[in-house]
Protein backbone atom coordinates (compact mmCIF):
# COMPACT_ATOMS: atom_id res chain seq x y z
CA ARG A 1 -1.59 -11.60 11.72
CA LEU A 2 -1.58 -8.42 9.59
CA GLY A 3 -3.41 -9.79 7.09
CA ARG A 4 -6.02 -11.20 9.70
CA GLU A 5 -6.17 -7.67 10.98
CA LEU A 6 -6.74 -5.80 7.69
CA ARG A 7 -9.35 -8.06 7.25
CA ASP A 8 -11.04 -7.22 10.04
CA ALA A 9 -10.55 -3.49 9.32
CA SER A 10 -12.00 -3.85 6.07
CA GLN A 11 -15.05 -5.17 7.30
CA GLY A 12 -15.76 -3.17 10.57
CA PRO A 13 -18.08 -0.28 10.32
CA PHE A 14 -15.13 2.21 10.61
CA PRO A 15 -12.12 0.86 8.40
CA PRO A 16 -9.97 4.12 8.67
CA ARG A 17 -9.96 4.33 12.33
CA ASP A 18 -8.40 0.66 12.75
CA LEU A 19 -6.19 1.17 9.99
CA LEU A 20 -4.59 4.23 11.94
CA SER A 21 -4.21 2.01 15.28
CA ILE A 22 -2.43 -0.64 12.74
CA ALA A 23 -0.12 2.34 11.67
CA ALA A 24 0.65 3.67 14.54
CA ARG A 25 1.79 0.24 16.10
CA THR A 26 3.54 -0.31 13.17
CA LEU A 27 5.64 2.90 12.90
CA GLU A 28 5.87 3.12 16.91
CA SER A 29 4.30 6.09 16.96
CA SER A 30 1.28 7.11 19.61
CA SER A 31 -1.82 9.07 17.84
CA GLU A 32 -3.62 9.51 20.65
CA LEU A 33 -5.49 12.97 20.97
CA ALA A 34 -6.38 14.93 24.28
CA PRO A 35 -10.04 15.77 24.49
CA ILE A 36 -11.10 18.39 22.03
CA THR A 37 -13.24 20.42 23.85
CA SER A 38 -13.53 23.05 21.12
CA LEU A 39 -15.25 20.42 18.74
CA THR A 40 -18.86 20.07 19.24
CA GLN A 41 -21.07 18.27 16.96
CA PRO A 42 -24.13 20.27 15.89
CA PRO A 43 -27.80 19.16 16.97
CA ALA A 44 -30.04 17.12 14.55
CA GLY A 45 -31.66 19.65 11.98
CA SER A 46 -28.88 22.30 12.10
CA SER A 47 -28.05 24.23 8.81
CA ALA A 48 -25.57 24.04 6.18
CA ALA A 49 -23.86 26.51 7.89
CA LEU A 50 -23.50 25.03 11.49
CA HIS A 51 -22.25 21.67 9.75
CA GLY A 52 -19.91 23.95 7.60
CA ALA A 53 -18.68 25.63 10.76
CA TYR A 54 -18.37 22.39 12.89
CA LEU A 55 -15.92 20.90 9.56
CA ILE A 56 -14.04 24.26 9.45
CA ALA A 57 -13.37 23.40 13.13
CA ILE A 58 -12.26 19.93 12.45
CA GLN A 59 -9.93 20.96 9.60
CA THR A 60 -8.43 24.19 11.75
CA GLU A 61 -7.88 21.73 14.53
CA ALA A 62 -6.18 18.75 12.55
CA SER A 63 -3.97 21.54 10.73
CA ARG A 64 -3.01 22.81 14.28
CA VAL A 65 -2.27 19.18 15.24
CA ALA A 66 -0.12 18.66 11.90
CA ALA A 67 1.92 21.74 12.59
CA GLN A 68 3.04 20.14 15.87
CA ALA A 69 4.50 17.34 14.44
CA PHE A 70 7.32 19.74 12.86
CA ALA A 71 7.81 21.89 16.26
CA GLY A 72 11.24 19.97 17.10
CA LEU A 73 12.44 21.68 13.95
CA SER A 74 13.49 25.50 14.12
CA ASP A 75 12.14 27.37 11.04
CA GLU A 76 14.98 27.04 8.87
CA GLU A 77 15.21 23.20 9.00
CA ARG A 78 11.37 22.91 8.27
CA THR A 79 11.77 25.14 5.47
CA HIS A 80 14.55 23.03 4.30
CA ILE A 81 12.67 19.95 4.57
CA GLU A 82 9.72 21.28 3.02
CA ALA A 83 11.80 22.96 -0.06
CA ASN A 84 13.56 19.46 -0.54
CA LEU A 85 11.31 16.51 -0.19
CA PRO A 86 9.88 17.00 -3.37
CA GLU A 87 13.17 16.67 -5.01
CA ILE A 88 14.17 13.73 -3.32
CA ALA A 89 10.99 11.83 -4.69
CA THR A 90 11.63 13.24 -8.23
CA VAL A 91 15.25 11.73 -8.19
CA PHE A 92 14.23 8.74 -6.53
CA GLY A 93 11.74 8.61 -8.62
CA GLU A 94 13.75 8.11 -11.52
CA GLY A 95 15.23 5.30 -10.21
CA LYS A 96 18.56 6.60 -9.38
CA TYR A 97 20.81 5.92 -6.29
CA LEU A 98 20.51 9.03 -3.62
CA HIS A 99 23.69 7.80 -2.19
CA SER A 100 25.67 8.03 -5.49
CA ASP A 101 23.97 11.00 -6.99
CA GLU A 102 26.46 12.70 -9.39
CA ASP A 103 24.98 16.24 -8.70
CA ARG A 104 26.90 16.37 -5.40
CA ALA A 105 25.35 19.74 -4.35
CA ARG A 106 22.22 18.02 -4.77
CA TYR A 107 23.43 14.84 -2.52
CA ARG A 108 24.49 17.27 0.23
CA ARG A 109 21.03 18.86 0.06
CA THR A 110 19.23 15.15 0.37
CA GLN A 111 21.89 14.14 3.26
CA ARG A 112 20.50 16.72 5.37
CA THR A 113 17.21 16.44 4.78
CA ILE A 114 17.16 12.58 5.39
CA ALA A 115 19.22 13.45 8.96
CA LEU A 116 16.25 15.86 9.89
CA LEU A 117 13.38 13.70 9.32
CA PRO A 118 13.58 12.12 12.56
CA LYS A 119 12.86 15.10 14.15
CA VAL A 120 9.40 15.09 12.68
CA ASN A 121 7.30 13.59 15.22
CA ARG A 122 4.91 11.03 13.10
CA GLY A 123 2.48 10.39 16.33
CA ARG A 124 1.50 14.07 15.70
CA LEU A 125 0.72 13.39 12.17
CA LEU A 126 -1.25 10.30 12.65
CA ALA A 127 -3.22 12.43 15.58
CA ALA A 128 -3.90 14.88 12.87
CA GLN A 129 -5.91 12.11 10.64
CA ARG A 130 -7.28 10.75 13.85
CA VAL A 131 -9.10 14.67 13.99
CA LEU A 132 -10.07 14.55 10.22
CA LEU A 133 -11.91 10.88 10.84
CA ARG A 134 -14.49 12.88 13.32
CA ALA A 135 -16.10 14.13 10.19
CA VAL A 136 -16.71 10.95 8.73
CA GLU A 137 -18.05 8.98 11.99
CA PRO A 138 -20.78 7.07 10.79
CA GLY A 139 -23.24 8.45 13.20
CA TYR A 140 -22.47 12.08 12.23
CA LEU A 141 -22.44 11.29 8.48
CA ALA A 142 -25.93 9.99 8.91
CA GLN A 143 -26.82 13.04 10.65
CA LEU A 144 -25.04 15.33 8.03
CA LYS A 145 -27.02 13.70 5.17
CA ALA A 146 -30.45 14.04 6.79
CA ASP A 147 -29.66 17.68 7.44
CA LEU A 148 -28.40 18.58 3.99
CA GLN A 149 -31.24 17.07 2.41
CA ALA A 150 -33.75 19.22 4.40
CA VAL A 151 -31.56 22.52 3.68
CA GLU A 152 -31.97 21.36 -0.41
CA ALA A 153 -35.37 20.84 0.08
CA LYS A 154 -35.87 24.70 0.82
CA GLY A 155 -33.78 25.99 -2.14
CA PHE A 156 -30.27 26.34 -3.16
CA SER A 157 -27.31 29.00 -3.40
CA SER A 158 -23.96 29.81 -5.92
CA THR A 159 -20.86 29.66 -5.39
CA PRO A 160 -17.76 31.08 -7.63
CA GLY A 161 -15.63 27.88 -8.84
CA VAL A 162 -18.53 25.69 -8.80
CA ARG A 163 -20.88 24.90 -11.49
CA GLU A 164 -24.53 23.94 -10.73
CA GLU A 165 -26.19 24.86 -7.40
CA THR A 166 -24.71 24.39 -3.75
CA LEU A 167 -26.14 24.99 -0.52
CA TRP A 168 -23.55 26.82 1.26
CA SER A 169 -19.74 28.00 1.11
CA SER A 170 -17.45 30.26 3.05
CA GLY A 171 -15.45 31.82 0.33
CA GLU A 172 -12.31 29.23 -0.56
CA ARG A 173 -12.18 27.79 2.89
CA CYS A 174 -15.42 25.57 2.61
CA VAL A 175 -18.19 25.06 0.59
CA ILE A 176 -21.53 22.33 0.42
CA GLY A 177 -22.62 21.11 -2.74
CA SER A 178 -26.52 19.98 -3.59
CA THR A 179 -27.45 16.69 -5.77
CA ARG A 180 -27.21 18.72 -8.81
CA ASN A 181 -24.28 17.24 -10.90
CA ASN A 182 -21.41 19.94 -9.70
CA ILE A 183 -18.13 20.86 -11.01
CA TYR A 184 -15.54 21.72 -8.70
CA SER A 185 -12.63 23.82 -10.27
CA ARG A 186 -11.57 26.09 -7.56
CA GLU A 187 -9.29 24.71 -4.27
CA PHE A 188 -11.42 24.29 -1.32
CA ALA A 189 -9.71 23.03 2.09
CA ILE A 190 -13.23 21.20 2.47
CA VAL A 191 -16.02 20.11 0.01
CA VAL A 192 -19.09 18.14 0.89
CA ASP A 193 -21.27 17.17 -1.85
CA LEU A 194 -24.57 15.83 -1.30
CA GLY A 195 -25.23 13.50 -4.33
CA GLY A 196 -25.03 13.71 -8.16
CA ASP A 197 -22.39 12.98 -10.94
CA ASP A 198 -19.83 15.50 -10.16
CA THR A 199 -16.48 16.72 -11.51
CA TYR A 200 -13.47 17.32 -9.60
CA LEU A 201 -11.34 19.64 -11.29
CA CYS A 202 -9.10 20.30 -8.16
CA ARG A 203 -7.02 18.44 -6.04
CA GLY A 204 -9.75 17.67 -3.77
CA GLY A 205 -9.03 16.59 -0.53
CA SER A 206 -5.45 17.56 -0.28
CA ALA A 207 -2.83 18.76 2.28
CA ARG A 208 0.32 20.99 1.44
CA PRO A 209 2.71 22.97 3.86
CA GLU A 210 0.25 25.86 3.31
CA GLN A 211 -2.90 24.21 3.80
CA ARG A 212 -2.19 21.69 6.73
CA ALA A 213 -5.27 19.70 6.52
CA GLY A 214 -7.82 19.08 3.59
CA LEU A 215 -11.12 16.98 3.69
CA LEU A 216 -13.57 16.00 0.91
CA ILE A 217 -16.96 14.17 1.54
CA ASP A 218 -19.11 12.98 -1.61
CA PHE A 219 -22.02 11.19 -0.38
CA ALA A 220 -23.27 9.26 -4.06
CA GLY A 221 -22.94 9.62 -7.62
CA ASP A 222 -21.05 8.19 -10.54
CA ASP A 223 -17.94 10.80 -9.96
CA ARG A 224 -14.93 11.88 -11.67
CA TYR A 225 -11.70 12.94 -10.17
CA GLN A 226 -9.32 14.80 -12.46
CA SER A 227 -6.27 16.53 -11.44
CA THR A 228 -2.99 17.67 -13.00
CA ALA A 229 -1.27 18.70 -9.94
CA SER A 230 0.80 16.70 -7.53
CA PHE A 231 -0.68 15.57 -3.88
CA ALA A 232 -4.55 15.12 -5.01
CA GLN A 233 -7.38 13.19 -4.37
CA GLY A 234 -6.90 12.70 -0.72
CA SER A 235 -3.07 12.79 -0.42
CA ALA A 236 -0.62 15.05 1.67
CA PHE A 237 2.65 16.71 1.70
CA CYS A 238 3.73 17.70 5.31
CA GLY A 239 0.02 17.58 6.10
CA ALA A 240 -3.11 15.45 6.85
CA ALA A 241 -5.68 14.49 4.04
CA LEU A 242 -9.21 12.80 3.79
CA LEU A 243 -10.87 11.81 1.01
CA LEU A 244 -14.39 9.40 1.56
CA ASP A 245 -16.68 8.98 -1.54
CA LEU A 246 -19.43 6.85 -0.20
CA ALA A 247 -21.17 5.67 -3.25
CA GLY A 248 -21.27 5.36 -7.07
CA ASP A 249 -18.92 3.84 -10.03
CA ASP A 250 -16.13 6.58 -9.80
CA SER A 251 -13.15 7.50 -11.58
CA TYR A 252 -9.98 8.76 -10.30
CA ALA A 253 -6.99 10.13 -12.62
CA SER A 254 -4.11 12.28 -12.26
CA THR A 255 -1.30 13.01 -14.55
CA ALA A 256 1.23 14.15 -11.55
CA ASP A 257 2.68 12.07 -8.39
CA PHE A 258 1.36 11.44 -5.34
CA SER A 259 -2.54 10.92 -5.57
CA GLN A 260 -5.09 8.56 -4.35
CA GLY A 261 -3.83 8.15 -1.25
CA ALA A 262 -0.63 9.08 -1.31
CA ALA A 263 1.83 10.99 1.50
CA LEU A 264 5.01 12.65 1.63
CA CYS A 265 5.91 12.94 5.14
CA GLY A 266 2.40 13.47 6.28
CA THR A 267 -0.79 11.17 6.58
CA ALA A 268 -3.47 10.64 3.46
CA ILE A 269 -6.33 8.54 3.23
CA CYS A 270 -8.04 8.19 0.22
CA TRP A 271 -11.44 5.97 1.03
CA ASP A 272 -13.98 4.79 -1.33
CA VAL A 273 -16.55 2.57 0.25
CA ALA A 274 -18.60 1.16 -2.97
CA GLY A 275 -18.82 1.19 -6.66
CA GLU A 276 -16.95 -0.38 -9.40
CA ASP A 277 -14.54 2.24 -9.57
CA ALA A 278 -10.95 3.15 -11.86
CA PHE A 279 -7.94 4.29 -10.44
CA ARG A 280 -5.50 5.61 -12.52
CA GLY A 281 -2.66 7.52 -11.50
CA GLN A 282 1.61 7.93 -12.22
CA GLY A 283 4.16 7.43 -9.11
CA TYR A 284 3.66 7.38 -5.49
CA ALA A 285 -0.33 6.54 -6.10
CA GLN A 286 -2.91 4.32 -4.39
CA GLY A 287 -1.57 3.88 -1.16
CA SER A 288 2.08 5.41 -1.47
CA ALA A 289 4.02 6.89 1.59
CA LEU A 290 7.42 8.31 1.11
CA CYS A 291 9.44 9.27 4.09
CA HIS A 292 8.00 9.53 7.42
CA GLY A 293 3.63 9.00 7.59
CA LEU A 294 0.74 6.75 6.14
CA GLY A 295 -0.58 6.68 2.54
CA ALA A 296 -3.61 4.40 2.25
CA LEU A 297 -6.26 3.87 -0.57
CA ILE A 298 -9.36 1.73 1.03
CA ASP A 299 -11.67 0.34 -1.64
CA GLY A 300 -14.59 -0.93 -1.02
CA ALA A 301 -16.44 -3.72 -2.76
CA GLY A 302 -16.98 -3.52 -6.57
CA ARG A 303 -15.01 -4.92 -9.54
CA ASP A 304 -12.31 -2.32 -9.44
CA HIS A 305 -9.15 -1.07 -11.56
CA CYS A 306 -6.41 0.13 -10.33
CA GLU A 307 -3.26 1.36 -12.68
CA ALA A 308 -0.43 3.48 -11.61
CA GLY A 309 3.54 3.97 -11.95
CA VAL A 310 6.84 3.62 -9.44
CA TYR A 311 6.02 3.26 -6.32
CA SER A 312 2.47 2.79 -5.84
CA GLN A 313 -0.38 0.36 -4.91
CA GLY A 314 1.12 -0.15 -1.19
CA PHE A 315 4.49 1.14 -1.19
CA ALA A 316 6.61 2.60 1.78
CA GLY A 317 9.77 4.64 1.79
CA PRO A 318 11.91 5.37 4.89
CA GLY A 319 9.78 5.87 8.16
CA ALA A 320 6.29 4.91 6.54
CA PHE A 321 3.43 2.78 6.40
CA GLY A 322 1.83 2.37 2.97
CA VAL A 323 -1.11 0.44 2.11
CA LEU A 324 -3.59 -0.62 -0.35
CA LEU A 325 -6.59 -2.39 1.14
CA ALA A 326 -9.44 -3.64 -0.70
CA SER A 327 -12.56 -5.29 -0.07
CA GLY A 328 -13.74 -7.98 -2.42
CA GLY A 329 -14.82 -8.34 -6.19
CA ASP A 330 -12.55 -9.43 -8.97
CA ASP A 331 -10.17 -6.47 -9.13
CA VAL A 332 -7.19 -5.78 -11.74
CA TYR A 333 -3.86 -4.13 -10.28
CA SER A 334 -1.15 -2.83 -12.67
CA VAL A 335 2.04 -1.22 -12.03
CA SER A 336 4.02 -0.20 -14.86
CA GLY A 337 7.02 1.62 -14.82
CA ARG A 338 8.39 4.72 -16.71
CA ALA A 339 11.83 3.42 -17.08
CA PRO A 340 13.55 0.39 -18.51
CA SER A 341 14.78 -2.58 -16.31
CA GLY A 342 18.18 -1.78 -14.50
CA TYR A 343 19.27 -5.31 -15.48
CA GLY A 344 19.27 -4.29 -19.25
CA THR A 345 16.65 -7.09 -19.94
CA PRO A 346 14.46 -6.32 -23.12
CA ASN A 347 11.07 -5.30 -22.44
CA ALA A 348 11.15 -5.16 -18.98
CA PHE A 349 10.63 -2.31 -16.73
CA ARG A 350 10.87 -0.81 -12.94
CA SER A 351 7.65 -1.21 -10.75
CA MET A 352 8.42 -1.17 -7.21
CA GLY A 353 4.90 -1.54 -5.97
CA GLN A 354 2.09 -3.81 -5.11
CA GLY A 355 3.36 -4.27 -1.30
CA ALA A 356 7.22 -3.06 -1.65
CA SER A 357 9.23 -0.96 0.63
CA PHE A 358 12.36 0.19 -0.13
CA GLY A 359 15.01 2.02 1.72
CA PHE A 360 17.66 4.79 0.60
CA ARG A 361 20.73 2.71 0.50
CA HIS A 362 23.28 3.59 2.63
CA LEU A 363 21.24 6.31 3.97
CA ALA A 364 17.89 5.54 5.62
CA SER A 365 15.95 2.04 6.12
CA GLY A 366 12.80 1.23 4.49
CA GLY A 367 9.19 1.00 5.99
CA VAL A 368 6.31 -1.26 5.94
CA ALA A 369 4.23 -1.81 2.58
CA VAL A 370 1.21 -3.92 2.44
CA LEU A 371 -1.19 -4.67 -0.47
CA CYS A 372 -3.94 -6.55 0.83
CA ASP A 373 -7.32 -7.84 -1.04
CA THR A 374 -9.81 -9.56 0.77
CA GLY A 375 -11.92 -11.73 -1.71
CA GLY A 376 -12.37 -12.10 -5.64
CA SER A 377 -10.54 -13.53 -8.64
CA ASP A 378 -7.68 -10.93 -9.26
CA ARG A 379 -5.09 -10.06 -11.28
CA TYR A 380 -1.69 -8.40 -10.44
CA GLU A 381 0.36 -7.26 -13.39
CA ALA A 382 3.72 -5.60 -12.61
CA GLY A 383 7.43 -5.29 -13.66
CA ASN A 384 10.70 -5.63 -11.60
CA PHE A 385 10.43 -5.41 -7.35
CA ALA A 386 6.90 -5.69 -7.00
CA GLN A 387 4.33 -8.28 -5.16
CA GLY A 388 5.16 -8.20 -1.97
CA GLY A 389 8.95 -7.55 -1.16
CA GLY A 390 11.15 -5.40 0.40
CA TYR A 391 14.69 -3.64 -0.59
CA TYR A 392 17.33 -2.09 1.93
CA PHE A 393 16.08 -2.74 4.90
CA GLY A 394 12.28 -2.46 4.01
CA TRP A 395 9.44 -4.82 4.50
CA GLY A 396 6.87 -5.86 2.00
CA ASN A 397 3.46 -7.93 1.81
CA LEU A 398 1.18 -8.72 -0.64
CA ILE A 399 -1.89 -10.59 0.97
CA ASP A 400 -4.98 -11.57 -1.07
CA LEU A 401 -7.73 -13.57 1.14
CA GLY A 402 -10.45 -15.59 -0.07
CA GLN A 403 -10.95 -18.68 -2.66
CA GLY A 404 -10.65 -16.35 -5.62
CA ASN A 405 -8.21 -17.86 -8.38
CA ASP A 406 -5.64 -15.29 -8.65
CA ARG A 407 -3.36 -14.80 -11.38
CA TYR A 408 0.26 -13.13 -10.68
CA GLY A 409 2.30 -11.43 -13.12
CA GLY A 410 5.95 -10.25 -12.76
CA SER A 411 9.09 -10.04 -14.32
CA ARG A 412 12.62 -10.07 -11.92
CA TYR A 413 12.10 -9.93 -7.65
CA GLY A 414 7.81 -10.64 -7.52
CA GLN A 415 5.49 -12.68 -5.38
CA GLY A 416 7.60 -12.58 -1.82
CA TRP A 417 11.14 -11.34 -2.44
CA ALA A 418 13.77 -9.43 -0.75
CA ALA A 419 17.06 -7.76 -1.69
CA HIS A 420 19.66 -6.31 0.35
CA SER A 421 19.10 -6.58 4.03
CA ALA A 422 15.47 -6.84 4.00
CA LEU A 423 12.05 -9.13 4.52
CA GLY A 424 9.46 -10.23 2.09
CA SER A 425 6.22 -12.02 2.76
CA PHE A 426 3.28 -13.37 0.14
CA TRP A 427 0.14 -15.05 1.17
CA ASP A 428 -2.82 -16.17 -0.74
CA GLU A 429 -5.46 -17.74 1.27
CA GLY A 430 -6.99 -20.17 -1.64
CA GLY A 431 -7.98 -20.57 -5.04
CA ASP A 432 -6.65 -21.94 -8.63
CA ASP A 433 -4.16 -19.50 -8.94
CA SER A 434 -1.30 -18.59 -11.43
CA TYR A 435 2.27 -17.38 -10.81
CA THR A 436 4.44 -16.08 -13.91
CA THR A 437 7.56 -13.94 -14.13
CA MET A 438 9.71 -13.42 -16.79
CA ILE A 439 13.22 -13.72 -15.19
CA GLY A 440 13.07 -15.01 -11.91
CA ALA A 441 13.65 -14.29 -8.39
CA SER A 442 10.08 -15.17 -7.52
CA ALA A 443 7.85 -16.87 -4.97
CA SER A 444 9.90 -16.91 -1.91
CA ALA A 445 13.16 -14.98 -3.08
CA ALA A 446 15.78 -14.15 -0.66
CA TRP A 447 19.00 -12.22 -2.24
CA ASP A 448 21.89 -11.21 0.54
CA LEU A 449 21.18 -11.17 4.05
CA CYS A 450 17.43 -11.20 3.62
CA ALA A 451 14.49 -13.46 4.78
CA THR A 452 11.54 -14.46 2.56
CA VAL A 453 8.21 -16.38 3.35
CA PHE A 454 5.86 -17.60 0.65
CA MET A 455 2.23 -19.08 1.58
CA ASP A 456 -0.65 -20.41 -0.56
CA ASP A 457 -3.21 -22.33 1.46
CA ALA A 458 -5.17 -24.06 -1.07
CA GLY A 459 -5.82 -24.90 -4.71
CA ASP A 460 -4.48 -26.43 -7.95
CA ASP A 461 -1.60 -23.68 -8.49
CA ARG A 462 0.98 -23.41 -11.12
CA TYR A 463 4.12 -21.89 -10.50
CA LEU A 464 5.88 -20.54 -14.03
CA GLY A 465 8.89 -18.92 -12.76
CA MET A 466 12.03 -18.56 -15.48
CA VAL A 467 15.42 -19.04 -14.58
CA ASN A 468 16.56 -19.25 -11.28
CA LEU A 469 16.12 -18.40 -7.60
CA CYS A 470 12.21 -19.57 -7.64
CA ASN A 471 9.95 -21.33 -5.40
CA GLY A 472 12.12 -20.76 -2.05
CA GLY A 473 15.32 -19.91 -3.57
CA SER A 474 18.19 -17.98 -1.34
CA ALA A 475 21.55 -16.57 -2.41
CA GLN A 476 24.12 -14.69 -0.30
CA ASN A 477 23.21 -15.70 3.14
CA GLY A 478 19.44 -15.29 2.59
CA LEU A 479 16.74 -17.20 4.09
CA ALA A 480 13.93 -18.27 1.91
CA LEU A 481 10.62 -20.37 3.31
CA PHE A 482 8.28 -21.61 0.44
CA PHE A 483 4.73 -22.96 1.87
CA ASP A 484 1.59 -24.53 -0.26
CA HIS A 485 -1.14 -26.43 1.36
CA GLY A 486 -3.13 -28.70 -1.05
CA GLY A 487 -3.80 -28.88 -4.54
CA ARG A 488 -2.29 -30.58 -7.57
CA ASP A 489 0.15 -27.77 -8.13
CA THR A 490 2.74 -27.55 -11.17
CA TYR A 491 6.24 -26.27 -10.86
CA ARG A 492 8.05 -25.39 -13.89
CA LEU A 493 11.60 -24.74 -11.92
CA PRO A 494 13.07 -26.74 -9.62
CA PRO A 495 12.42 -25.69 -5.98
CA GLY A 496 14.30 -24.61 -2.71
CA LYS A 497 17.80 -24.16 -4.52
CA ALA A 498 20.19 -22.45 -2.14
CA GLY A 499 23.83 -20.36 -2.68
CA PRO A 500 25.78 -18.89 -4.14
CA ASN A 501 27.11 -17.24 -0.99
CA ASN A 502 30.12 -15.02 -2.34
CA TYR A 503 29.36 -11.81 -1.12
CA HIS A 504 30.02 -12.65 2.54
CA GLY A 505 31.02 -16.35 2.98
CA GLY A 506 28.73 -18.56 4.92
CA HIS A 507 25.69 -20.07 4.03
CA SER A 508 22.00 -19.70 2.92
CA LEU A 509 19.03 -21.59 3.51
CA SER A 510 16.09 -22.85 1.21
CA ILE A 511 13.07 -24.56 2.60
CA PHE A 512 10.03 -25.78 -0.08
CA VAL A 513 7.36 -27.58 1.36
CA ASP A 514 4.37 -28.90 -0.69
CA ALA A 515 1.69 -30.27 1.93
CA GLY A 516 -1.43 -31.84 1.31
CA SER A 517 -2.81 -33.88 -1.95
CA THR A 518 -1.25 -35.97 -4.39
CA GLY A 519 -0.74 -34.99 -8.22
CA ASP A 520 1.93 -32.20 -8.04
CA ARG A 521 4.07 -32.07 -11.14
CA TYR A 522 8.07 -31.10 -11.06
CA THR A 523 8.85 -30.52 -14.77
CA TYR A 524 12.80 -30.09 -14.42
CA SER A 525 12.86 -31.69 -10.79
CA PRO A 526 13.18 -35.13 -9.10
CA LEU A 527 11.02 -34.18 -6.50
CA ALA A 528 7.66 -35.89 -6.67
CA ASP A 529 4.96 -36.57 -4.06
CA GLY A 530 6.10 -38.18 -0.99
CA LYS A 531 9.54 -37.26 -1.56
CA ALA A 532 12.19 -35.28 0.18
CA LEU A 533 15.62 -34.04 -1.21
CA VAL A 534 18.37 -31.92 -0.25
CA GLU A 535 20.48 -29.57 -2.70
CA GLY A 536 23.64 -28.92 -1.65
CA VAL A 537 24.15 -28.68 1.94
CA ALA A 538 21.27 -25.99 2.49
CA GLY A 539 18.00 -26.50 -0.09
CA VAL A 540 15.20 -28.59 1.84
CA GLN A 541 12.74 -29.81 -0.70
CA ILE A 542 9.91 -31.73 1.06
CA ASP A 543 6.59 -32.97 -0.86
CA THR A 544 3.97 -34.52 1.76
CA PRO A 545 0.67 -35.57 0.29
CA GLY A 546 -0.16 -36.29 4.08
CA GLY A 547 -0.17 -32.11 4.42
CA ILE A 548 1.13 -30.51 8.14
CA ALA A 549 0.23 -33.82 9.74
CA GLY A 550 2.79 -35.42 7.42
CA LEU A 551 5.87 -32.98 8.81
CA ALA A 552 4.05 -33.35 12.47
CA GLY A 553 6.66 -36.67 13.01
CA LEU A 554 10.10 -34.65 11.98
CA GLU A 555 10.19 -33.15 15.57
CA ALA A 556 10.43 -36.75 17.12
CA MET A 557 12.30 -38.22 14.57
CA SER A 558 15.93 -39.22 15.26
CA ASP A 559 18.91 -37.27 14.01
CA GLU A 560 19.98 -40.54 11.88
CA GLY A 561 15.94 -40.97 10.65
CA LEU A 562 15.97 -37.40 9.39
CA LYS A 563 19.34 -37.73 7.79
CA ALA A 564 17.89 -40.83 5.88
CA LEU A 565 14.64 -38.79 4.77
CA LEU A 566 16.63 -36.11 3.29
CA GLY A 567 19.22 -37.94 1.62
CA PHE A 568 21.97 -37.23 3.79
CA GLU A 569 24.86 -39.76 4.22
């Protein structure tokens, strides 16, 4: 359901509005707004000044609504959260367990900050984003563009902090650029640019406690976004931010954490409608939300390249919804960690991204994370903990729709995994796909009180996982489901293994099903077309060339017949 809803949202006329509704339901937070009588859209043919005043009114109202999210906190508590959340992000980003921090004074600050977060009203943060969306509704954007083109025909003006001519400004609050190749080197709360190959040497469409809402709209051109500051390029810290780029082959680059649709106790959307774009970020980037809120990167059609550090490309922490939503094109996604694997594996590193949700172990449960790509032959590259998985009460999803021939490469824990009371989901709709991991725990791997599901709907697929816990593997009271439908598939490792269970006692359950088509190959397993096996007492392996219909008779089968089919005595 979630994948289809995201696909519908990406193909709709106004994806952010639909995404906000999905986020509100997922976070169980209302984003509804009372009628805003103070926002009156300018009539057609209005001046740049009238449009500027309207956009300032939107930004002012969004700031007011965002501030309401913190109304349940005292001034001292709000100040504490704003001062300590970035520190938590830094420590967590270094791969440290917050609950066992050796700096005990810092640990006490962390503990109090996490305890205060439930007082933040996520619904008001989502509602503030809904206010900002008033500025980018399709009907208003068309009018805004037409009116600004008429303004430009009459002449230009100049604005401090902007190279080349502009159309209007109101000091540091709002600037409207022209179709010249503008260079923005000053921080404005609101930027609207009519066109041209522009350069943004600033945060651009960002929100922070001192500026609760930020907005950037760029109509056209091959633009360059570059920042060395945190919370840039449609990102928010304790506020709401929106960046919209409507056309052009754009480049986004940041040397600091939290960029390109990332949020820390806020709501952030970076929306690039079209073009062959390049996104390069550090940690917490490209649809990442840590602690209460929404972080989203929405990327339209085109062959795009996304590269980031840890906790990126659809990541969610406690109380958060993180999503990267891409619409077609042969895309490349890469999450490379800044630290080596905690397991001591040579040349392996941590990623924690591409549809990954993490909780703060023993302190706070994880959120919901999604990477959803709706078409094209895509490539996914990552290290440990990536490509659809959850850790400590988190739920992570990787969804790739369409019939593209996709390639997935990971290390340990990838492609539908979960560890320590969490959920992991993976769905590839079709194509001749390749799944590779360096170590293992992939393609539905459930470890320690977890449940995972892996689905590949069609195609001649290759499963090249290494070592163990692959292709529907469970252990320590886990539940792993693996389903591949159709195609001549190749499996390097034996599927459907279950156990051990020495953590808690009891059992794990692994169910592996390859349904439809003949010609499947199992390198190190006796499983073959038309066979069913049981490993131990809880590893079920079924290959049914007849597809789903081949399983339909199981429900009506007698206990004796089912035992005979699965090899029980």
